PDB file of all heavy atoms in Angstrom:
ATOM      1  N   ASN A   1       6.203   1.393   6.798  1.00  0.00           N
ATOM      2  CA  ASN A   1       7.292   2.014   6.062  1.00  0.00           C
ATOM      3  C   ASN A   1       6.875   2.149   4.609  1.00  0.00           C
ATOM      4  O   ASN A   1       6.070   1.359   4.107  1.00  0.00           O
ATOM      5  CB  ASN A   1       8.576   1.194   6.175  1.00  0.00           C
ATOM      6  CG  ASN A   1       9.275   1.378   7.501  1.00  0.00           C
ATOM      7  OD1 ASN A   1       9.872   2.416   7.749  1.00  0.00           O
ATOM      8  ND2 ASN A   1       9.198   0.375   8.359  1.00  0.00           N
ATOM      9  N   TYR A   2       7.456   3.136   3.937  1.00  0.00           N
ATOM     10  CA  TYR A   2       7.075   3.459   2.574  1.00  0.00           C
ATOM     11  C   TYR A   2       8.288   3.695   1.706  1.00  0.00           C
ATOM     12  O   TYR A   2       9.341   4.139   2.178  1.00  0.00           O
ATOM     13  CB  TYR A   2       6.206   4.721   2.547  1.00  0.00           C
ATOM     14  CG  TYR A   2       4.952   4.622   3.377  1.00  0.00           C
ATOM     15  CD1 TYR A   2       4.958   4.990   4.717  1.00  0.00           C
ATOM     16  CD2 TYR A   2       3.768   4.161   2.819  1.00  0.00           C
ATOM     17  CE1 TYR A   2       3.808   4.896   5.484  1.00  0.00           C
ATOM     18  CE2 TYR A   2       2.618   4.066   3.579  1.00  0.00           C
ATOM     19  CZ  TYR A   2       2.640   4.435   4.909  1.00  0.00           C
ATOM     20  OH  TYR A   2       1.502   4.344   5.666  1.00  0.00           O
ATOM     21  N   ALA A   3       8.116   3.415   0.428  1.00  0.00           N
ATOM     22  CA  ALA A   3       9.109   3.835  -0.533  1.00  0.00           C
ATOM     23  C   ALA A   3       9.171   5.356  -0.553  1.00  0.00           C
ATOM     24  O   ALA A   3       8.157   6.033  -0.360  1.00  0.00           O
ATOM     25  CB  ALA A   3       8.757   3.307  -1.924  1.00  0.00           C
ATOM     26  N   GLU A   4      10.363   5.890  -0.768  1.00  0.00           N
ATOM     27  CA  GLU A   4      10.524   7.335  -0.759  1.00  0.00           C
ATOM     28  C   GLU A   4       9.645   8.013  -1.808  1.00  0.00           C
ATOM     29  O   GLU A   4       9.179   9.138  -1.590  1.00  0.00           O
ATOM     30  CB  GLU A   4      11.988   7.706  -0.976  1.00  0.00           C
ATOM     31  CG  GLU A   4      12.882   7.446   0.221  1.00  0.00           C
ATOM     32  CD  GLU A   4      12.489   8.271   1.434  1.00  0.00           C
ATOM     33  OE1 GLU A   4      12.150   9.462   1.265  1.00  0.00           O
ATOM     34  OE2 GLU A   4      12.517   7.733   2.556  1.00  0.00           O
ATOM     35  N   SER A   5       9.388   7.330  -2.889  1.00  0.00           N
ATOM     36  CA  SER A   5       8.611   7.920  -3.964  1.00  0.00           C
ATOM     37  C   SER A   5       7.143   8.131  -3.608  1.00  0.00           C
ATOM     38  O   SER A   5       6.457   8.915  -4.275  1.00  0.00           O
ATOM     39  CB  SER A   5       8.710   7.053  -5.226  1.00  0.00           C
ATOM     40  OG  SER A   5       8.222   5.745  -4.979  1.00  0.00           O
ATOM     41  N   VAL A   6       6.656   7.437  -2.583  1.00  0.00           N
ATOM     42  CA  VAL A   6       5.243   7.555  -2.215  1.00  0.00           C
ATOM     43  C   VAL A   6       5.048   8.115  -0.817  1.00  0.00           C
ATOM     44  O   VAL A   6       3.906   8.407  -0.427  1.00  0.00           O
ATOM     45  CB  VAL A   6       4.513   6.202  -2.333  1.00  0.00           C
ATOM     46  CG1 VAL A   6       4.729   5.589  -3.703  1.00  0.00           C
ATOM     47  CG2 VAL A   6       4.953   5.239  -1.234  1.00  0.00           C
ATOM     48  N   LYS A   7       6.113   8.275  -0.077  1.00  0.00           N
ATOM     49  CA  LYS A   7       6.007   8.739   1.302  1.00  0.00           C
ATOM     50  C   LYS A   7       5.338  10.108   1.356  1.00  0.00           C
ATOM     51  O   LYS A   7       5.688  11.013   0.609  1.00  0.00           O
ATOM     52  CB  LYS A   7       7.390   8.795   1.946  1.00  0.00           C
ATOM     53  CG  LYS A   7       7.365   8.943   3.461  1.00  0.00           C
ATOM     54  CD  LYS A   7       8.756   8.766   4.051  1.00  0.00           C
ATOM     55  CE  LYS A   7       8.727   8.785   5.565  1.00  0.00           C
ATOM     56  NZ  LYS A   7      10.071   8.556   6.146  1.00  0.00           N
ATOM     57  N   GLY A   8       4.376  10.226   2.250  1.00  0.00           N
ATOM     58  CA  GLY A   8       3.620  11.448   2.373  1.00  0.00           C
ATOM     59  C   GLY A   8       2.376  11.492   1.518  1.00  0.00           C
ATOM     60  O   GLY A   8       1.515  12.358   1.729  1.00  0.00           O
ATOM     61  N   ARG A   9       2.272  10.589   0.557  1.00  0.00           N
ATOM     62  CA  ARG A   9       1.111  10.531  -0.321  1.00  0.00           C
ATOM     63  C   ARG A   9       0.274   9.277  -0.108  1.00  0.00           C
ATOM     64  O   ARG A   9      -0.948   9.314  -0.272  1.00  0.00           O
ATOM     65  CB  ARG A   9       1.543  10.597  -1.790  1.00  0.00           C
ATOM     66  CG  ARG A   9       2.298  11.873  -2.153  1.00  0.00           C
ATOM     67  CD  ARG A   9       2.553  11.957  -3.650  1.00  0.00           C
ATOM     68  NE  ARG A   9       3.415  10.875  -4.122  1.00  0.00           N
ATOM     69  CZ  ARG A   9       3.069   9.974  -5.027  1.00  0.00           C
ATOM     70  NH1 ARG A   9       1.861  10.024  -5.586  1.00  0.00           N
ATOM     71  NH2 ARG A   9       3.921   9.034  -5.404  1.00  0.00           N
ATOM     72  N   PHE A  10       0.925   8.169   0.227  1.00  0.00           N
ATOM     73  CA  PHE A  10       0.245   6.888   0.404  1.00  0.00           C
ATOM     74  C   PHE A  10       0.199   6.524   1.879  1.00  0.00           C
ATOM     75  O   PHE A  10       1.114   6.835   2.643  1.00  0.00           O
ATOM     76  CB  PHE A  10       0.972   5.765  -0.344  1.00  0.00           C
ATOM     77  CG  PHE A  10       0.906   5.841  -1.846  1.00  0.00           C
ATOM     78  CD1 PHE A  10       0.440   6.958  -2.510  1.00  0.00           C
ATOM     79  CD2 PHE A  10       1.333   4.756  -2.599  1.00  0.00           C
ATOM     80  CE1 PHE A  10       0.393   7.025  -3.890  1.00  0.00           C
ATOM     81  CE2 PHE A  10       1.293   4.802  -3.983  1.00  0.00           C
ATOM     82  CZ  PHE A  10       0.824   5.938  -4.630  1.00  0.00           C
ATOM     83  N   THR A  11      -0.857   5.824   2.269  1.00  0.00           N
ATOM     84  CA  THR A  11      -0.998   5.333   3.627  1.00  0.00           C
ATOM     85  C   THR A  11      -1.467   3.889   3.602  1.00  0.00           C
ATOM     86  O   THR A  11      -2.485   3.578   2.981  1.00  0.00           O
ATOM     87  CB  THR A  11      -1.989   6.177   4.438  1.00  0.00           C
ATOM     88  OG1 THR A  11      -1.573   7.547   4.454  1.00  0.00           O
ATOM     89  CG2 THR A  11      -2.065   5.672   5.875  1.00  0.00           C
ATOM     90  N   ILE A  12      -0.731   3.016   4.278  1.00  0.00           N
ATOM     91  CA  ILE A  12      -1.125   1.623   4.392  1.00  0.00           C
ATOM     92  C   ILE A  12      -1.796   1.417   5.741  1.00  0.00           C
ATOM     93  O   ILE A  12      -1.389   2.000   6.746  1.00  0.00           O
ATOM     94  CB  ILE A  12       0.082   0.677   4.212  1.00  0.00           C
ATOM     95  CG1 ILE A  12      -0.372  -0.785   4.147  1.00  0.00           C
ATOM     96  CG2 ILE A  12       1.118   0.877   5.306  1.00  0.00           C
ATOM     97  CD1 ILE A  12       0.737  -1.754   3.745  1.00  0.00           C
ATOM     98  N   SER A  13      -2.826   0.596   5.755  1.00  0.00           N
ATOM     99  CA  SER A  13      -3.523   0.290   6.990  1.00  0.00           C
ATOM    100  C   SER A  13      -4.042  -1.137   6.922  1.00  0.00           C
ATOM    101  O   SER A  13      -4.114  -1.737   5.847  1.00  0.00           O
ATOM    102  CB  SER A  13      -4.674   1.271   7.245  1.00  0.00           C
ATOM    103  OG  SER A  13      -5.642   1.196   6.210  1.00  0.00           O
ATOM    104  N   ARG A  14      -4.394  -1.674   8.075  1.00  0.00           N
ATOM    105  CA  ARG A  14      -4.930  -3.027   8.101  1.00  0.00           C
ATOM    106  C   ARG A  14      -6.061  -3.126   9.106  1.00  0.00           C
ATOM    107  O   ARG A  14      -6.091  -2.420  10.116  1.00  0.00           O
ATOM    108  CB  ARG A  14      -3.831  -4.053   8.416  1.00  0.00           C
ATOM    109  CG  ARG A  14      -3.226  -3.947   9.814  1.00  0.00           C
ATOM    110  CD  ARG A  14      -1.965  -4.803   9.939  1.00  0.00           C
ATOM    111  NE  ARG A  14      -2.231  -6.222   9.762  1.00  0.00           N
ATOM    112  CZ  ARG A  14      -1.298  -7.151   9.568  1.00  0.00           C
ATOM    113  NH1 ARG A  14      -0.014  -6.801   9.497  1.00  0.00           N
ATOM    114  NH2 ARG A  14      -1.642  -8.423   9.426  1.00  0.00           N
ATOM    115  N   ASP A  15      -6.984  -4.014   8.795  1.00  0.00           N
ATOM    116  CA  ASP A  15      -8.102  -4.306   9.673  1.00  0.00           C
ATOM    117  C   ASP A  15      -8.082  -5.810   9.881  1.00  0.00           C
ATOM    118  O   ASP A  15      -8.588  -6.570   9.056  1.00  0.00           O
ATOM    119  CB  ASP A  15      -9.422  -3.845   9.062  1.00  0.00           C
ATOM    120  CG  ASP A  15     -10.592  -4.009  10.008  1.00  0.00           C
ATOM    121  OD1 ASP A  15     -10.512  -4.825  10.944  1.00  0.00           O
ATOM    122  OD2 ASP A  15     -11.610  -3.317   9.810  1.00  0.00           O
ATOM    123  N   ASN A  16      -7.481  -6.232  10.972  1.00  0.00           N
ATOM    124  CA  ASN A  16      -7.307  -7.664  11.206  1.00  0.00           C
ATOM    125  C   ASN A  16      -8.636  -8.387  11.402  1.00  0.00           C
ATOM    126  O   ASN A  16      -8.770  -9.556  11.039  1.00  0.00           O
ATOM    127  CB  ASN A  16      -6.402  -7.888  12.407  1.00  0.00           C
ATOM    128  CG  ASN A  16      -4.971  -7.492  12.146  1.00  0.00           C
ATOM    129  OD1 ASN A  16      -4.455  -7.667  11.043  1.00  0.00           O
ATOM    130  ND2 ASN A  16      -4.308  -6.950  13.161  1.00  0.00           N
ATOM    131  N   ALA A  17      -9.614  -7.698  11.973  1.00  0.00           N
ATOM    132  CA  ALA A  17     -10.919  -8.313  12.174  1.00  0.00           C
ATOM    133  C   ALA A  17     -11.582  -8.660  10.850  1.00  0.00           C
ATOM    134  O   ALA A  17     -12.363  -9.610  10.767  1.00  0.00           O
ATOM    135  CB  ALA A  17     -11.820  -7.392  12.992  1.00  0.00           C
ATOM    136  N   LYS A  18     -11.288  -7.885   9.809  1.00  0.00           N
ATOM    137  CA  LYS A  18     -11.873  -8.112   8.488  1.00  0.00           C
ATOM    138  C   LYS A  18     -10.898  -8.770   7.525  1.00  0.00           C
ATOM    139  O   LYS A  18     -11.226  -8.941   6.354  1.00  0.00           O
ATOM    140  CB  LYS A  18     -12.373  -6.796   7.900  1.00  0.00           C
ATOM    141  CG  LYS A  18     -13.489  -6.144   8.695  1.00  0.00           C
ATOM    142  CD  LYS A  18     -13.963  -4.861   8.038  1.00  0.00           C
ATOM    143  CE  LYS A  18     -15.101  -4.229   8.816  1.00  0.00           C
ATOM    144  NZ  LYS A  18     -15.569  -2.976   8.191  1.00  0.00           N
ATOM    145  N   ASN A  19      -9.714  -9.119   8.012  1.00  0.00           N
ATOM    146  CA  ASN A  19      -8.689  -9.740   7.166  1.00  0.00           C
ATOM    147  C   ASN A  19      -8.432  -8.919   5.909  1.00  0.00           C
ATOM    148  O   ASN A  19      -8.396  -9.438   4.792  1.00  0.00           O
ATOM    149  CB  ASN A  19      -9.093 -11.164   6.783  1.00  0.00           C
ATOM    150  CG  ASN A  19      -9.068 -12.120   7.953  1.00  0.00           C
ATOM    151  OD1 ASN A  19      -8.438 -11.863   8.977  1.00  0.00           O
ATOM    152  ND2 ASN A  19      -9.760 -13.244   7.806  1.00  0.00           N
ATOM    153  N   THR A  20      -8.243  -7.634   6.109  1.00  0.00           N
ATOM    154  CA  THR A  20      -8.126  -6.708   4.994  1.00  0.00           C
ATOM    155  C   THR A  20      -6.975  -5.734   5.220  1.00  0.00           C
ATOM    156  O   THR A  20      -6.732  -5.289   6.343  1.00  0.00           O
ATOM    157  CB  THR A  20      -9.430  -5.916   4.801  1.00  0.00           C
ATOM    158  OG1 THR A  20     -10.520  -6.825   4.624  1.00  0.00           O
ATOM    159  CG2 THR A  20      -9.344  -5.007   3.589  1.00  0.00           C
ATOM    160  N   VAL A  21      -6.279  -5.415   4.147  1.00  0.00           N
ATOM    161  CA  VAL A  21      -5.268  -4.368   4.162  1.00  0.00           C
ATOM    162  C   VAL A  21      -5.622  -3.368   3.070  1.00  0.00           C
ATOM    163  O   VAL A  21      -6.150  -3.741   2.019  1.00  0.00           O
ATOM    164  CB  VAL A  21      -3.846  -4.947   3.976  1.00  0.00           C
ATOM    165  CG1 VAL A  21      -3.700  -5.632   2.627  1.00  0.00           C
ATOM    166  CG2 VAL A  21      -2.802  -3.864   4.165  1.00  0.00           C
ATOM    167  N   HIS A  22      -5.355  -2.096   3.336  1.00  0.00           N
ATOM    168  CA  HIS A  22      -5.704  -1.028   2.402  1.00  0.00           C
ATOM    169  C   HIS A  22      -4.478  -0.204   2.045  1.00  0.00           C
ATOM    170  O   HIS A  22      -3.502  -0.144   2.790  1.00  0.00           O
ATOM    171  CB  HIS A  22      -6.757  -0.104   3.011  1.00  0.00           C
ATOM    172  CG  HIS A  22      -7.998  -0.798   3.464  1.00  0.00           C
ATOM    173  ND1 HIS A  22      -8.993  -1.174   2.589  1.00  0.00           N
ATOM    174  CD2 HIS A  22      -8.409  -1.195   4.696  1.00  0.00           C
ATOM    175  CE1 HIS A  22      -9.964  -1.760   3.252  1.00  0.00           C
ATOM    176  NE2 HIS A  22      -9.634  -1.784   4.540  1.00  0.00           N
ATOM    177  N   LEU A  23      -4.562   0.437   0.907  1.00  0.00           N
ATOM    178  CA  LEU A  23      -3.567   1.417   0.510  1.00  0.00           C
ATOM    179  C   LEU A  23      -4.299   2.642  -0.005  1.00  0.00           C
ATOM    180  O   LEU A  23      -4.877   2.610  -1.094  1.00  0.00           O
ATOM    181  CB  LEU A  23      -2.627   0.867  -0.568  1.00  0.00           C
ATOM    182  CG  LEU A  23      -1.472   1.786  -0.952  1.00  0.00           C
ATOM    183  CD1 LEU A  23      -0.486   1.922   0.213  1.00  0.00           C
ATOM    184  CD2 LEU A  23      -0.755   1.270  -2.196  1.00  0.00           C
ATOM    185  N   GLN A  24      -4.300   3.696   0.793  1.00  0.00           N
ATOM    186  CA  GLN A  24      -4.880   4.962   0.379  1.00  0.00           C
ATOM    187  C   GLN A  24      -3.834   5.737  -0.396  1.00  0.00           C
ATOM    188  O   GLN A  24      -2.750   6.017   0.120  1.00  0.00           O
ATOM    189  CB  GLN A  24      -5.341   5.762   1.601  1.00  0.00           C
ATOM    190  CG  GLN A  24      -5.909   7.133   1.266  1.00  0.00           C
ATOM    191  CD  GLN A  24      -7.201   7.051   0.498  1.00  0.00           C
ATOM    192  OE1 GLN A  24      -8.118   6.339   0.890  1.00  0.00           O
ATOM    193  NE2 GLN A  24      -7.279   7.771  -0.621  1.00  0.00           N
ATOM    194  N   MET A  25      -4.148   6.088  -1.626  1.00  0.00           N
ATOM    195  CA  MET A  25      -3.216   6.761  -2.506  1.00  0.00           C
ATOM    196  C   MET A  25      -3.769   8.135  -2.851  1.00  0.00           C
ATOM    197  O   MET A  25      -4.821   8.247  -3.476  1.00  0.00           O
ATOM    198  CB  MET A  25      -2.972   5.948  -3.776  1.00  0.00           C
ATOM    199  CG  MET A  25      -2.518   4.514  -3.514  1.00  0.00           C
ATOM    200  SD  MET A  25      -2.109   3.617  -5.032  1.00  0.00           S
ATOM    201  CE  MET A  25      -3.719   3.577  -5.802  1.00  0.00           C
ATOM    202  N   ASN A  26      -3.058   9.165  -2.447  1.00  0.00           N
ATOM    203  CA  ASN A  26      -3.443  10.541  -2.716  1.00  0.00           C
ATOM    204  C   ASN A  26      -2.397  11.216  -3.593  1.00  0.00           C
ATOM    205  O   ASN A  26      -1.266  10.752  -3.705  1.00  0.00           O
ATOM    206  CB  ASN A  26      -3.603  11.322  -1.411  1.00  0.00           C
ATOM    207  CG  ASN A  26      -4.677  10.765  -0.509  1.00  0.00           C
ATOM    208  OD1 ASN A  26      -5.709  10.276  -0.973  1.00  0.00           O
ATOM    209  ND2 ASN A  26      -4.456  10.843   0.802  1.00  0.00           N
ATOM    210  N   SER A  27      -2.782  12.321  -4.181  1.00  0.00           N
ATOM    211  CA  SER A  27      -1.882  13.106  -5.024  1.00  0.00           C
ATOM    212  C   SER A  27      -1.173  12.226  -6.043  1.00  0.00           C
ATOM    213  O   SER A  27       0.051  12.279  -6.213  1.00  0.00           O
ATOM    214  CB  SER A  27      -0.861  13.852  -4.151  1.00  0.00           C
ATOM    215  OG  SER A  27      -1.509  14.708  -3.236  1.00  0.00           O
ATOM    216  N   LEU A  28      -1.940  11.417  -6.728  1.00  0.00           N
ATOM    217  CA  LEU A  28      -1.368  10.452  -7.659  1.00  0.00           C
ATOM    218  C   LEU A  28      -0.667  11.134  -8.824  1.00  0.00           C
ATOM    219  O   LEU A  28      -1.096  12.182  -9.303  1.00  0.00           O
ATOM    220  CB  LEU A  28      -2.451   9.511  -8.166  1.00  0.00           C
ATOM    221  CG  LEU A  28      -2.867   8.439  -7.158  1.00  0.00           C
ATOM    222  CD1 LEU A  28      -4.203   7.835  -7.533  1.00  0.00           C
ATOM    223  CD2 LEU A  28      -1.793   7.354  -7.074  1.00  0.00           C
ATOM    224  N   LYS A  29       0.413  10.506  -9.256  1.00  0.00           N
ATOM    225  CA  LYS A  29       1.227  10.987 -10.357  1.00  0.00           C
ATOM    226  C   LYS A  29       1.244   9.949 -11.473  1.00  0.00           C
ATOM    227  O   LYS A  29       1.064   8.764 -11.214  1.00  0.00           O
ATOM    228  CB  LYS A  29       2.660  11.244  -9.886  1.00  0.00           C
ATOM    229  CG  LYS A  29       2.780  12.200  -8.719  1.00  0.00           C
ATOM    230  CD  LYS A  29       4.226  12.285  -8.241  1.00  0.00           C
ATOM    231  CE  LYS A  29       4.365  13.233  -7.069  1.00  0.00           C
ATOM    232  NZ  LYS A  29       5.773  13.291  -6.588  1.00  0.00           N
ATOM    233  N   PRO A  30       1.489  10.373 -12.705  1.00  0.00           N
ATOM    234  CA  PRO A  30       1.574   9.393 -13.794  1.00  0.00           C
ATOM    235  C   PRO A  30       2.575   8.282 -13.528  1.00  0.00           C
ATOM    236  O   PRO A  30       2.344   7.139 -13.949  1.00  0.00           O
ATOM    237  CB  PRO A  30       1.983  10.247 -14.999  1.00  0.00           C
ATOM    238  CG  PRO A  30       1.414  11.592 -14.695  1.00  0.00           C
ATOM    239  CD  PRO A  30       1.566  11.755 -13.211  1.00  0.00           C
ATOM    240  N   GLU A  31       3.667   8.584 -12.841  1.00  0.00           N
ATOM    241  CA  GLU A  31       4.659   7.563 -12.548  1.00  0.00           C
ATOM    242  C   GLU A  31       4.194   6.531 -11.528  1.00  0.00           C
ATOM    243  O   GLU A  31       4.887   5.544 -11.286  1.00  0.00           O
ATOM    244  CB  GLU A  31       5.979   8.197 -12.078  1.00  0.00           C
ATOM    245  CG  GLU A  31       5.810   9.215 -10.973  1.00  0.00           C
ATOM    246  CD  GLU A  31       5.773  10.643 -11.486  1.00  0.00           C
ATOM    247  OE1 GLU A  31       5.084  10.901 -12.489  1.00  0.00           O
ATOM    248  OE2 GLU A  31       6.444  11.507 -10.879  1.00  0.00           O
ATOM    249  N   ASP A  32       3.034   6.746 -10.923  1.00  0.00           N
ATOM    250  CA  ASP A  32       2.438   5.741 -10.051  1.00  0.00           C
ATOM    251  C   ASP A  32       1.719   4.648 -10.835  1.00  0.00           C
ATOM    252  O   ASP A  32       1.274   3.660 -10.245  1.00  0.00           O
ATOM    253  CB  ASP A  32       1.443   6.384  -9.077  1.00  0.00           C
ATOM    254  CG  ASP A  32       2.111   7.327  -8.095  1.00  0.00           C
ATOM    255  OD1 ASP A  32       3.200   7.001  -7.595  1.00  0.00           O
ATOM    256  OD2 ASP A  32       1.521   8.387  -7.811  1.00  0.00           O
ATOM    257  N   THR A  33       1.590   4.824 -12.132  1.00  0.00           N
ATOM    258  CA  THR A  33       0.911   3.842 -12.965  1.00  0.00           C
ATOM    259  C   THR A  33       1.634   2.502 -12.890  1.00  0.00           C
ATOM    260  O   THR A  33       2.830   2.410 -13.155  1.00  0.00           O
ATOM    261  CB  THR A  33       0.844   4.324 -14.419  1.00  0.00           C
ATOM    262  OG1 THR A  33       0.025   5.494 -14.490  1.00  0.00           O
ATOM    263  CG2 THR A  33       0.255   3.252 -15.324  1.00  0.00           C
ATOM    264  N   ALA A  34       0.905   1.465 -12.529  1.00  0.00           N
ATOM    265  CA  ALA A  34       1.481   0.135 -12.359  1.00  0.00           C
ATOM    266  C   ALA A  34       0.378  -0.832 -11.982  1.00  0.00           C
ATOM    267  O   ALA A  34      -0.754  -0.437 -11.696  1.00  0.00           O
ATOM    268  CB  ALA A  34       2.562   0.146 -11.273  1.00  0.00           C
ATOM    269  N   VAL A  35       0.725  -2.105 -11.987  1.00  0.00           N
ATOM    270  CA  VAL A  35      -0.120  -3.112 -11.378  1.00  0.00           C
ATOM    271  C   VAL A  35       0.298  -3.225  -9.926  1.00  0.00           C
ATOM    272  O   VAL A  35       1.482  -3.405  -9.624  1.00  0.00           O
ATOM    273  CB  VAL A  35      -0.004  -4.473 -12.081  1.00  0.00           C
ATOM    274  CG1 VAL A  35      -0.860  -5.517 -11.368  1.00  0.00           C
ATOM    275  CG2 VAL A  35      -0.422  -4.356 -13.540  1.00  0.00           C
ATOM    276  N   TYR A  36      -0.652  -3.106  -9.036  1.00  0.00           N
ATOM    277  CA  TYR A  36      -0.383  -3.147  -7.608  1.00  0.00           C
ATOM    278  C   TYR A  36      -0.765  -4.507  -7.048  1.00  0.00           C
ATOM    279  O   TYR A  36      -1.847  -5.024  -7.320  1.00  0.00           O
ATOM    280  CB  TYR A  36      -1.155  -2.043  -6.886  1.00  0.00           C
ATOM    281  CG  TYR A  36      -0.538  -0.681  -7.082  1.00  0.00           C
ATOM    282  CD1 TYR A  36      -0.604  -0.041  -8.317  1.00  0.00           C
ATOM    283  CD2 TYR A  36       0.128  -0.034  -6.041  1.00  0.00           C
ATOM    284  CE1 TYR A  36      -0.015   1.195  -8.509  1.00  0.00           C
ATOM    285  CE2 TYR A  36       0.706   1.201  -6.225  1.00  0.00           C
ATOM    286  CZ  TYR A  36       0.634   1.815  -7.463  1.00  0.00           C
ATOM    287  OH  TYR A  36       1.212   3.051  -7.637  1.00  0.00           O
ATOM    288  N   TYR A  37       0.138  -5.081  -6.246  1.00  0.00           N
ATOM    289  CA  TYR A  37      -0.031  -6.414  -5.698  1.00  0.00           C
ATOM    290  C   TYR A  37      -0.006  -6.394  -4.183  1.00  0.00           C
ATOM    291  O   TYR A  37       0.833  -5.730  -3.575  1.00  0.00           O
ATOM    292  CB  TYR A  37       1.087  -7.346  -6.172  1.00  0.00           C
ATOM    293  CG  TYR A  37       1.149  -7.563  -7.663  1.00  0.00           C
ATOM    294  CD1 TYR A  37       1.914  -6.740  -8.475  1.00  0.00           C
ATOM    295  CD2 TYR A  37       0.445  -8.606  -8.255  1.00  0.00           C
ATOM    296  CE1 TYR A  37       1.980  -6.939  -9.836  1.00  0.00           C
ATOM    297  CE2 TYR A  37       0.507  -8.815  -9.617  1.00  0.00           C
ATOM    298  CZ  TYR A  37       1.278  -7.981 -10.403  1.00  0.00           C
ATOM    299  OH  TYR A  37       1.339  -8.195 -11.758  1.00  0.00           O
ATOM    300  N   CYS A  38      -0.880  -7.158  -3.594  1.00  0.00           N
ATOM    301  CA  CYS A  38      -0.888  -7.385  -2.160  1.00  0.00           C
ATOM    302  C   CYS A  38       0.007  -8.573  -1.843  1.00  0.00           C
ATOM    303  O   CYS A  38       0.041  -9.554  -2.590  1.00  0.00           O
ATOM    304  CB  CYS A  38      -2.325  -7.643  -1.697  1.00  0.00           C
ATOM    305  SG  CYS A  38      -2.532  -7.899   0.073  1.00  0.00           S
ATOM    306  N   ASN A  39       0.731  -8.478  -0.739  1.00  0.00           N
ATOM    307  CA  ASN A  39       1.670  -9.518  -0.347  1.00  0.00           C
ATOM    308  C   ASN A  39       1.528  -9.829   1.133  1.00  0.00           C
ATOM    309  O   ASN A  39       1.364  -8.927   1.955  1.00  0.00           O
ATOM    310  CB  ASN A  39       3.103  -9.068  -0.650  1.00  0.00           C
ATOM    311  CG  ASN A  39       4.155  -9.981  -0.057  1.00  0.00           C
ATOM    312  OD1 ASN A  39       4.554  -9.809   1.099  1.00  0.00           O
ATOM    313  ND2 ASN A  39       4.613 -10.947  -0.845  1.00  0.00           N
ATOM    314  N   LEU A  40       1.609 -11.108   1.452  1.00  0.00           N
ATOM    315  CA  LEU A  40       1.557 -11.567   2.835  1.00  0.00           C
ATOM    316  C   LEU A  40       2.659 -12.582   3.075  1.00  0.00           C
ATOM    317  O   LEU A  40       2.812 -13.527   2.298  1.00  0.00           O
ATOM    318  CB  LEU A  40       0.194 -12.194   3.141  1.00  0.00           C
ATOM    319  CG  LEU A  40       0.073 -13.004   4.439  1.00  0.00           C
ATOM    320  CD1 LEU A  40       0.201 -12.090   5.653  1.00  0.00           C
ATOM    321  CD2 LEU A  40      -1.244 -13.765   4.489  1.00  0.00           C
ATOM    322  N   ARG A  41       3.416 -12.359   4.128  1.00  0.00           N
ATOM    323  CA  ARG A  41       4.396 -13.346   4.574  1.00  0.00           C
ATOM    324  C   ARG A  41       3.881 -14.013   5.832  1.00  0.00           C
ATOM    325  O   ARG A  41       3.511 -13.339   6.790  1.00  0.00           O
ATOM    326  CB  ARG A  41       5.753 -12.696   4.842  1.00  0.00           C
ATOM    327  CG  ARG A  41       6.473 -12.207   3.599  1.00  0.00           C
ATOM    328  CD  ARG A  41       7.915 -11.840   3.919  1.00  0.00           C
ATOM    329  NE  ARG A  41       8.674 -12.976   4.418  1.00  0.00           N
ATOM    330  CZ  ARG A  41       9.302 -13.867   3.652  1.00  0.00           C
ATOM    331  NH1 ARG A  41       9.286 -13.751   2.335  1.00  0.00           N
ATOM    332  NH2 ARG A  41       9.959 -14.876   4.200  1.00  0.00           N
ATOM    333  N   ALA A  42       3.851 -15.343   5.793  1.00  0.00           N
ATOM    334  CA  ALA A  42       3.375 -16.122   6.936  1.00  0.00           C
ATOM    335  C   ALA A  42       4.326 -17.285   7.148  1.00  0.00           C
ATOM    336  O   ALA A  42       4.225 -18.322   6.487  1.00  0.00           O
ATOM    337  CB  ALA A  42       1.957 -16.617   6.697  1.00  0.00           C
ATOM    338  N   GLY A  43       5.263 -17.104   8.048  1.00  0.00           N
ATOM    339  CA  GLY A  43       6.267 -18.124   8.273  1.00  0.00           C
ATOM    340  C   GLY A  43       7.110 -18.323   7.031  1.00  0.00           C
ATOM    341  O   GLY A  43       7.684 -17.379   6.485  1.00  0.00           O
ATOM    342  N   VAL A  44       7.166 -19.555   6.556  1.00  0.00           N
ATOM    343  CA  VAL A  44       7.946 -19.869   5.365  1.00  0.00           C
ATOM    344  C   VAL A  44       7.177 -19.624   4.080  1.00  0.00           C
ATOM    345  O   VAL A  44       7.730 -19.791   2.991  1.00  0.00           O
ATOM    346  CB  VAL A  44       8.438 -21.328   5.396  1.00  0.00           C
ATOM    347  CG1 VAL A  44       9.309 -21.576   6.617  1.00  0.00           C
ATOM    348  CG2 VAL A  44       7.269 -22.301   5.362  1.00  0.00           C
TER     349      VAL A  44
END
């Protein structure tokens, strides 16, 4: 799922074998400027 502001431009994917998650960002806009953080929820 995506925020409406990035839907159609960003794609999230994961590679469990490599313990990696990616965010492909296309058609970037100035309003996309930010610090981007990875988040993981594991139980509590």
